[in-house]
Amino acid sequence: MKTSTLFKHNYESAANVVINQGGTSSGKTYAIEQVLFCLAVETEKLVITVVGQDIPNLKSGAIRDAQQIYDGSDVFKRLIKNYNKTDRIFEFHNGSLIEFKSYANAQDAKSGKRDYLFVNEANGIGWDVYTELALRTKKRIYIDYNPNSGFWVHEKLIGKPGVQLLISDHRHNPFNDEPMRKKIEALKNEDLELWKVYARGLTGKITGLVFSNWQVCEAIPQDAKLIAAGLDFGYSIDETGCLLVYKQNGELWVDELFYETGLTNTDISGKLKEQFISKSTEIIADSAEPKSIEELKRRGWFVTGAKKGADSIKNSIDILKRYKINVTRNSVNLRKELGKYKWRTDNSGRTLNQPIDTCNHLIDPLRYVALNKLNTKGNSQVKSRLPTQQHPPANGGILGELIG
């Protein structure tokens, strides 16, 4: 069986979760399935589940690759007892099996247990479905996807203990021919964002985002000066969002405190205490909620309303865009909002000069701090290019670095 370096790294991994982020034709799905076939023949009575968004996607991708692996190996043909096309199951003589499934919802995903799980094209599968599958997997999970944009893998898995990230592209697949490589590289002439995703396997961004001047940091610098806290009120549907904004060397540093629904003003006060927020820290809150502001004041908190007015949303965005913004890795919900906060468009797709009024329950309190506490000059250093890869790999690094 001919294999690639990507097969080697997946096969030799000792991580609980092995994430394969890759461009087109990197061979990630094929390599992972080769690993699964090897595992199935090496150990008796293994249950291996390959999960896709739906059966048509599996048939055109993972199942087709699996059939090619089977057809191209005399060894596997001897060791595999049967392939049931109806149930989409490879049965091995030693009692192991590889099954291909899709799940309609999280409840559906609660059925069945397995030794190994492969989540194919994971950005088409919900976090709730993945969670149920992961809870019922004994040994290891493999994940692959094209990184068109960040999703739950970036938000909830990458960087966690026991998780290994491998980033690959067509250059790591020795079985691609030259015309295919040229076709992929030609994307650079058409669309740089497409080239970054499909030719280099790097995480893309949704077009039309309001903020591109931010990056992930590990922690707030010790010498950073606290400017204020920002607070946006929510309750049943909208989250109550609160964050701290610091400044150092002309850059902003932001740390998410809490982001929850169902919080009363009493609860908010308790959350602030849990986060060890000093009563002397100024909290700039949504001025459309004067009753809530007054209640928090009576509990001893230093709360002031945001200075809203005509064009205040646009003005606060303009202020923030003059700074480089560093967002802590723990600020998961803020990073998620920044990755979705877009300019409105009209029916023709033309961008309007106003942002969407959603995905902003932490961005709004950030704006409140900008309105009340930040000058309009900002930092000229923001013009320097920020890293395009906002989610640095952990526990294994970039495959391109591993194999040169």
Protein backbone atom coordinates (compact mmCIF):
# COMPACT_ATOMS: atom_id res chain seq x y z
CA MET A 1 0.00 0.00 0.00
CA LYS A 2 1.43 3.35 -1.07
CA THR A 3 1.16 5.99 1.62
CA SER A 4 2.01 9.65 2.14
CA THR A 5 3.72 11.49 4.96
CA LEU A 6 0.27 12.57 6.11
CA PHE A 7 -0.61 8.89 6.64
CA LYS A 8 2.51 8.49 8.76
CA HIS A 9 1.67 11.39 11.06
CA ASN A 10 -1.92 10.24 11.55
CA TYR A 11 -0.92 6.61 12.06
CA GLU A 12 1.81 7.39 14.60
CA SER A 13 -0.19 9.99 16.54
CA ALA A 14 -0.84 9.29 20.22
CA ALA A 15 -3.29 12.21 20.63
CA ASN A 16 -6.89 11.69 21.69
CA VAL A 17 -8.07 13.92 18.82
CA VAL A 18 -6.13 14.31 15.57
CA ILE A 19 -7.28 17.29 13.50
CA ASN A 20 -6.44 17.37 9.81
CA GLN A 21 -6.89 20.88 8.43
CA GLY A 22 -6.02 20.88 4.76
CA GLY A 23 -6.36 22.38 1.34
CA THR A 24 -7.83 20.65 -1.66
CA SER A 25 -6.07 17.47 -2.86
CA SER A 26 -3.90 17.28 0.25
CA GLY A 27 -4.94 13.64 0.58
CA LYS A 28 -6.15 14.00 4.16
CA THR A 29 -9.33 11.91 3.84
CA TYR A 30 -7.55 9.16 1.93
CA ALA A 31 -4.67 9.05 4.42
CA ILE A 32 -6.98 8.86 7.44
CA GLU A 33 -8.99 6.05 5.88
CA GLN A 34 -5.79 4.13 5.16
CA VAL A 35 -5.03 4.45 8.86
CA LEU A 36 -8.51 3.18 9.73
CA PHE A 37 -8.12 0.11 7.48
CA CYS A 38 -4.79 -0.67 9.13
CA LEU A 39 -6.27 -0.33 12.61
CA ALA A 40 -9.16 -2.59 11.67
CA VAL A 41 -6.89 -5.45 10.54
CA GLU A 42 -4.43 -5.08 13.45
CA THR A 43 -7.00 -5.50 16.24
CA GLU A 44 -9.97 -7.82 16.50
CA LYS A 45 -13.57 -6.64 16.84
CA LEU A 46 -12.96 -2.92 16.47
CA VAL A 47 -15.89 -0.66 15.61
CA ILE A 48 -14.83 2.30 13.46
CA THR A 49 -17.36 4.95 12.45
CA VAL A 50 -16.88 7.42 9.60
CA VAL A 51 -19.35 10.30 9.91
CA GLY A 52 -20.31 12.79 7.22
CA GLN A 53 -22.80 15.61 6.84
CA ASP A 54 -25.07 13.35 4.79
CA ILE A 55 -24.93 10.12 2.80
CA PRO A 56 -24.54 11.79 -0.63
CA ASN A 57 -21.44 13.63 0.62
CA LEU A 58 -20.04 10.41 2.04
CA LYS A 59 -20.67 8.54 -1.19
CA SER A 60 -18.90 11.14 -3.30
CA GLY A 61 -15.97 11.44 -0.90
CA ALA A 62 -15.09 9.15 1.99
CA ILE A 63 -16.88 6.03 0.72
CA ARG A 64 -15.38 6.41 -2.74
CA ASP A 65 -11.89 6.76 -1.22
CA ALA A 66 -12.49 3.69 0.95
CA GLN A 67 -13.49 1.64 -2.07
CA GLN A 68 -10.36 2.76 -3.89
CA ILE A 69 -8.21 1.71 -0.93
CA TYR A 70 -9.92 -1.69 -0.91
CA ASP A 71 -9.69 -2.18 -4.68
CA GLY A 72 -6.02 -1.21 -4.73
CA SER A 73 -4.85 -3.61 -2.03
CA ASP A 74 -4.70 -7.39 -2.39
CA VAL A 75 -3.95 -7.61 1.33
CA PHE A 76 -7.15 -5.82 2.32
CA LYS A 77 -9.14 -7.92 -0.15
CA ARG A 78 -7.98 -11.05 1.68
CA LEU A 79 -8.67 -9.60 5.13
CA ILE A 80 -12.06 -8.05 4.40
CA LYS A 81 -14.96 -10.46 4.52
CA ASN A 82 -17.59 -8.28 2.88
CA TYR A 83 -18.67 -4.79 1.92
CA ASN A 84 -22.38 -4.21 2.47
CA LYS A 85 -23.37 -1.40 0.11
CA THR A 86 -26.83 -1.05 1.60
CA ASP A 87 -25.62 -0.53 5.15
CA ARG A 88 -22.27 0.94 4.03
CA ILE A 89 -20.19 -1.37 6.22
CA PHE A 90 -16.83 -3.05 5.59
CA GLU A 91 -16.74 -6.32 7.57
CA PHE A 92 -13.34 -7.85 8.36
CA HIS A 93 -12.62 -11.54 8.99
CA ASN A 94 -11.33 -10.69 12.49
CA GLY A 95 -14.66 -9.20 13.50
CA SER A 96 -13.72 -5.53 13.02
CA LEU A 97 -15.91 -3.23 10.96
CA ILE A 98 -15.84 0.21 9.37
CA GLU A 99 -19.26 1.85 9.06
CA PHE A 100 -20.25 5.05 7.24
CA LYS A 101 -23.01 7.10 8.85
CA SER A 102 -24.67 10.49 9.04
CA TYR A 103 -26.79 11.83 11.89
CA ALA A 104 -29.76 14.16 11.64
CA ASN A 105 -29.27 15.68 15.10
CA ALA A 106 -27.64 15.23 18.48
CA GLN A 107 -30.34 12.83 19.67
CA ASP A 108 -29.73 10.65 16.64
CA ALA A 109 -25.99 10.67 17.37
CA LYS A 110 -26.54 9.09 20.80
CA SER A 111 -27.09 5.69 19.22
CA GLY A 112 -24.13 3.34 19.09
CA LYS A 113 -20.61 3.23 20.51
CA ARG A 114 -17.28 2.82 18.77
CA ASP A 115 -13.53 2.50 19.24
CA TYR A 116 -12.47 5.03 16.59
CA LEU A 117 -14.34 7.96 15.05
CA PHE A 118 -13.58 9.84 11.85
CA VAL A 119 -15.52 13.09 11.36
CA ASN A 120 -15.23 13.84 7.65
CA GLU A 121 -15.66 17.44 6.45
CA ALA A 122 -16.36 18.48 10.01
CA ASN A 123 -17.45 22.04 9.20
CA GLY A 124 -20.67 20.51 7.86
CA ILE A 125 -21.45 18.83 11.17
CA GLY A 126 -22.74 20.59 14.29
CA TRP A 127 -20.89 20.77 17.59
CA ASP A 128 -23.80 19.11 19.41
CA VAL A 129 -23.66 16.11 17.07
CA TYR A 130 -19.88 15.87 17.42
CA THR A 131 -20.13 16.02 21.23
CA GLU A 132 -22.52 13.07 21.39
CA LEU A 133 -20.30 11.04 19.05
CA ALA A 134 -17.13 11.92 20.94
CA LEU A 135 -18.65 10.86 24.26
CA ARG A 136 -19.25 7.41 22.79
CA THR A 137 -15.79 6.93 21.28
CA LYS A 138 -13.30 4.89 23.32
CA LYS A 139 -9.90 5.31 21.68
CA ARG A 140 -9.27 8.15 19.20
CA ILE A 141 -11.02 10.71 17.01
CA TYR A 142 -9.85 11.87 13.58
CA ILE A 143 -11.23 15.06 12.04
CA ASP A 144 -10.72 16.63 8.63
CA TYR A 145 -12.02 19.70 6.76
CA ASN A 146 -11.19 22.48 4.31
CA PRO A 147 -10.75 25.64 6.42
CA ASN A 148 -13.07 28.01 4.54
CA SER A 149 -13.63 29.81 7.85
CA GLY A 150 -13.25 29.19 11.54
CA PHE A 151 -15.82 26.96 13.28
CA TRP A 152 -16.17 24.82 16.40
CA VAL A 153 -12.89 22.97 15.80
CA HIS A 154 -11.03 26.28 16.13
CA GLU A 155 -13.17 27.52 18.99
CA LYS A 156 -13.41 24.41 21.15
CA LEU A 157 -10.67 21.91 20.25
CA ILE A 158 -7.48 23.40 18.81
CA GLY A 159 -5.03 24.18 21.59
CA LYS A 160 -6.66 21.85 24.12
CA PRO A 161 -4.69 19.07 25.85
CA GLY A 162 -4.67 15.82 23.91
CA VAL A 163 -5.45 17.51 20.59
CA GLN A 164 -3.00 17.46 17.69
CA LEU A 165 -3.36 19.70 14.64
CA LEU A 166 -1.90 18.78 11.24
CA ILE A 167 -2.09 21.39 8.48
CA SER A 168 -1.52 20.05 4.99
CA ASP A 169 -1.92 21.07 1.35
CA HIS A 170 -1.45 19.56 -2.12
CA ARG A 171 2.34 19.73 -1.76
CA HIS A 172 2.19 17.01 0.93
CA ASN A 173 0.37 14.59 -1.38
CA PRO A 174 2.90 12.77 -3.61
CA PHE A 175 0.11 11.30 -5.75
CA ASN A 176 -1.01 14.62 -7.27
CA ASP A 177 0.07 15.21 -10.87
CA GLU A 178 1.61 18.45 -12.08
CA PRO A 179 -1.48 19.78 -13.90
CA MET A 180 -3.46 19.45 -10.69
CA ARG A 181 -0.79 21.32 -8.70
CA LYS A 182 -0.70 24.13 -11.27
CA LYS A 183 -4.47 24.40 -11.23
CA ILE A 184 -4.49 24.77 -7.45
CA GLU A 185 -1.64 27.28 -7.40
CA ALA A 186 -3.39 29.33 -10.12
CA LEU A 187 -6.01 30.29 -7.55
CA LYS A 188 -3.55 32.92 -6.38
CA ASN A 189 -4.22 34.90 -9.54
CA GLU A 190 -7.98 34.72 -9.05
CA ASP A 191 -8.59 35.17 -5.33
CA LEU A 192 -5.98 35.33 -2.60
CA GLU A 193 -8.43 34.14 0.04
CA LEU A 194 -9.32 31.05 -2.00
CA TRP A 195 -5.63 30.38 -2.58
CA LYS A 196 -4.89 30.63 1.14
CA VAL A 197 -7.62 28.12 2.00
CA TYR A 198 -7.31 25.62 -0.84
CA ALA A 199 -3.64 25.87 -1.83
CA ARG A 200 -2.15 26.31 1.66
CA GLY A 201 -4.73 24.84 4.04
CA LEU A 202 -4.89 28.02 6.15
CA THR A 203 -8.03 29.20 7.90
CA GLY A 204 -10.04 31.57 5.75
CA LYS A 205 -12.29 34.46 6.71
CA ILE A 206 -15.85 35.36 5.89
CA THR A 207 -15.87 38.26 3.45
CA GLY A 208 -17.20 41.64 4.51
CA LEU A 209 -16.10 41.42 8.14
CA VAL A 210 -16.11 44.71 10.07
CA PHE A 211 -12.90 44.04 11.99
CA SER A 212 -9.74 42.54 10.54
CA ASN A 213 -7.33 44.35 12.89
CA TRP A 214 -7.35 41.73 15.64
CA GLN A 215 -5.33 38.69 16.59
CA VAL A 216 -5.26 36.08 19.32
CA CYS A 217 -2.93 36.50 22.30
CA GLU A 218 -2.19 34.13 25.15
CA ALA A 219 -2.70 36.60 28.01
CA ILE A 220 -2.92 40.24 29.00
CA PRO A 221 0.58 41.73 29.52
CA GLN A 222 1.33 42.42 33.16
CA ASP A 223 2.15 46.06 32.48
CA ALA A 224 -1.00 46.72 30.43
CA LYS A 225 -3.21 49.46 31.88
CA LEU A 226 -6.86 48.68 32.51
CA ILE A 227 -9.06 51.21 30.71
CA ALA A 228 -12.52 50.00 31.72
CA ALA A 229 -14.95 47.12 31.60
CA GLY A 230 -17.70 46.99 28.99
CA LEU A 231 -21.14 45.56 29.70
CA ASP A 232 -24.07 44.77 27.40
CA PHE A 233 -27.36 43.69 28.97
CA GLY A 234 -29.32 40.69 27.72
CA TYR A 235 -31.62 38.11 29.20
CA SER A 236 -33.77 35.43 27.58
CA ILE A 237 -32.60 35.48 23.95
CA ASP A 238 -29.56 37.76 23.88
CA GLU A 239 -26.51 37.08 26.01
CA THR A 240 -25.27 39.45 28.67
CA GLY A 241 -21.69 40.16 27.64
CA CYS A 242 -18.91 41.64 29.73
CA LEU A 243 -15.21 42.18 29.00
CA LEU A 244 -12.16 44.08 30.18
CA VAL A 245 -10.24 46.43 27.89
CA TYR A 246 -6.56 47.22 28.49
CA LYS A 247 -4.01 49.35 26.68
CA GLN A 248 -0.28 48.87 26.23
CA ASN A 249 2.10 50.45 23.73
CA GLY A 250 -0.79 51.93 21.78
CA GLU A 251 -2.50 48.54 21.34
CA LEU A 252 -5.71 47.24 22.89
CA TRP A 253 -5.85 44.01 24.87
CA VAL A 254 -9.26 42.47 25.53
CA ASP A 255 -10.34 39.70 27.89
CA GLU A 256 -13.83 38.22 27.98
CA LEU A 257 -15.36 37.88 31.46
CA PHE A 258 -18.76 36.31 30.90
CA TYR A 259 -21.30 35.70 28.14
CA GLU A 260 -24.57 34.15 29.26
CA THR A 261 -28.33 34.32 28.92
CA GLY A 262 -30.73 34.44 31.84
CA LEU A 263 -28.65 36.78 34.02
CA THR A 264 -30.52 39.17 36.31
CA ASN A 265 -28.79 42.29 37.64
CA THR A 266 -28.19 40.36 40.87
CA ASP A 267 -26.54 37.63 38.83
CA ILE A 268 -24.40 40.19 36.97
CA SER A 269 -23.21 41.60 40.29
CA GLY A 270 -22.31 38.08 41.41
CA LYS A 271 -20.44 37.39 38.18
CA LEU A 272 -18.40 40.57 38.60
CA LYS A 273 -17.47 39.45 42.12
CA GLU A 274 -16.52 35.99 40.85
CA GLN A 275 -14.16 37.63 38.37
CA PHE A 276 -12.58 39.68 41.20
CA ILE A 277 -13.55 42.98 39.56
CA SER A 278 -12.77 45.90 41.86
CA LYS A 279 -15.65 48.20 42.83
CA SER A 280 -13.41 51.06 41.67
CA THR A 281 -13.21 49.70 38.11
CA GLU A 282 -15.36 51.74 35.75
CA ILE A 283 -17.94 49.64 33.92
CA ILE A 284 -19.34 51.25 30.79
CA ALA A 285 -22.75 49.80 30.04
CA ASP A 286 -25.56 50.12 27.53
CA SER A 287 -27.17 53.49 28.29
CA ALA A 288 -30.49 52.18 26.94
CA GLU A 289 -30.82 50.29 30.25
CA PRO A 290 -30.85 53.08 32.89
CA LYS A 291 -32.77 50.93 35.40
CA SER A 292 -30.17 48.16 35.26
CA ILE A 293 -27.34 50.68 35.55
CA GLU A 294 -28.96 52.21 38.62
CA GLU A 295 -29.48 48.81 40.26
CA LEU A 296 -25.82 47.94 39.80
CA LYS A 297 -24.80 51.34 41.17
CA ARG A 298 -26.86 50.68 44.30
CA ARG A 299 -24.89 47.47 44.74
CA GLY A 300 -21.72 49.53 44.83
CA TRP A 301 -20.49 49.17 41.25
CA PHE A 302 -18.98 52.09 39.34
CA VAL A 303 -21.23 51.96 36.27
CA THR A 304 -21.65 54.66 33.63
CA GLY A 305 -23.72 54.72 30.46
CA ALA A 306 -22.16 54.66 27.02
CA LYS A 307 -22.14 58.02 25.24
CA LYS A 308 -24.47 57.15 22.40
CA GLY A 309 -25.67 59.56 19.76
CA ALA A 310 -25.97 60.07 16.04
CA ASP A 311 -23.56 57.76 14.18
CA SER A 312 -22.21 56.39 17.48
CA ILE A 313 -21.95 52.86 16.09
CA LYS A 314 -19.95 53.98 13.07
CA ASN A 315 -17.82 56.34 15.19
CA SER A 316 -16.96 53.66 17.75
CA ILE A 317 -16.04 51.21 14.97
CA ASP A 318 -13.83 53.85 13.37
CA ILE A 319 -12.07 54.38 16.71
CA LEU A 320 -11.50 50.66 17.25
CA LYS A 321 -10.19 50.16 13.72
CA ARG A 322 -7.35 52.58 14.46
CA TYR A 323 -5.92 50.16 17.04
CA LYS A 324 -4.38 46.72 16.87
CA ILE A 325 -6.67 44.59 19.05
CA ASN A 326 -5.28 41.59 20.93
CA VAL A 327 -7.94 39.13 22.10
CA THR A 328 -7.07 36.49 24.69
CA ARG A 329 -7.36 32.87 23.63
CA ASN A 330 -9.88 32.29 26.44
CA SER A 331 -12.21 34.91 24.91
CA VAL A 332 -13.92 32.26 22.82
CA ASN A 333 -17.23 34.06 22.36
CA LEU A 334 -15.63 37.36 21.46
CA ARG A 335 -13.43 35.66 18.86
CA LYS A 336 -16.53 33.96 17.48
CA GLU A 337 -18.34 37.29 17.19
CA LEU A 338 -15.40 38.99 15.51
CA GLY A 339 -15.38 36.20 12.95
CA LYS A 340 -19.03 36.82 12.07
CA TYR A 341 -19.58 40.56 12.57
CA LYS A 342 -20.17 41.81 9.01
CA TRP A 343 -21.23 44.93 7.16
CA ARG A 344 -24.79 44.93 5.91
CA THR A 345 -25.39 44.49 2.20
CA ASP A 346 -28.29 45.54 0.02
CA ASN A 347 -30.27 43.26 -2.31
CA SER A 348 -27.65 43.61 -5.00
CA GLY A 349 -24.89 42.55 -2.62
CA ARG A 350 -23.43 46.03 -2.31
CA THR A 351 -21.84 46.66 1.09
CA LEU A 352 -23.55 49.31 3.22
CA ASN A 353 -21.79 51.48 5.76
CA GLN A 354 -23.49 49.90 8.77
CA PRO A 355 -22.86 46.59 10.54
CA ILE A 356 -25.33 43.78 11.11
CA ASP A 357 -27.19 43.98 14.41
CA THR A 358 -26.25 40.50 15.56
CA CYS A 359 -23.16 38.65 16.82
CA ASN A 360 -22.38 41.76 18.88
CA HIS A 361 -23.06 41.09 22.55
CA LEU A 362 -19.36 41.40 23.32
CA ILE A 363 -18.50 43.69 20.43
CA ASP A 364 -21.07 46.23 21.68
CA PRO A 365 -19.45 46.55 25.14
CA LEU A 366 -16.10 46.90 23.38
CA ARG A 367 -17.62 49.76 21.40
CA TYR A 368 -18.97 51.35 24.59
CA VAL A 369 -15.46 51.53 26.00
CA ALA A 370 -14.24 53.05 22.73
CA LEU A 371 -16.94 55.72 22.82
CA ASN A 372 -16.24 56.78 26.40
CA LYS A 373 -12.55 56.16 26.95
CA LEU A 374 -10.50 55.98 23.74
CA ASN A 375 -9.12 58.85 21.73
CA THR A 376 -9.79 59.07 18.02
CA LYS A 377 -6.13 58.99 16.95
CA GLY A 378 -5.51 55.38 17.81
CA ASN A 379 -2.24 53.74 16.92
CA SER A 380 -0.55 54.23 13.56
CA GLN A 381 1.14 50.82 13.97
CA VAL A 382 -2.15 49.13 13.11
CA LYS A 383 -1.29 49.58 9.44
CA SER A 384 1.26 46.80 9.72
CA ARG A 385 -0.06 43.47 8.46
CA LEU A 386 -1.46 41.14 11.10
CA PRO A 387 -0.98 37.38 10.89
CA THR A 388 -3.59 35.76 8.64
CA GLN A 389 -3.60 32.54 10.64
CA GLN A 390 -5.44 33.46 13.82
CA HIS A 391 -5.44 30.01 15.36
CA PRO A 392 -1.86 28.84 15.85
CA PRO A 393 -1.44 25.06 15.89
CA ALA A 394 -0.76 23.16 19.05
CA ASN A 395 0.56 19.74 20.04
CA GLY A 396 2.17 18.74 16.78
CA GLY A 397 2.35 21.95 14.83
CA ILE A 398 1.96 22.60 11.14
CA LEU A 399 2.56 19.54 9.04
CA GLY A 400 4.47 21.60 6.53
CA GLU A 401 6.97 22.42 9.26
CA LEU A 402 7.13 18.78 10.36
CA ILE A 403 8.02 17.47 6.93
CA GLY A 404 9.81 20.50 5.48
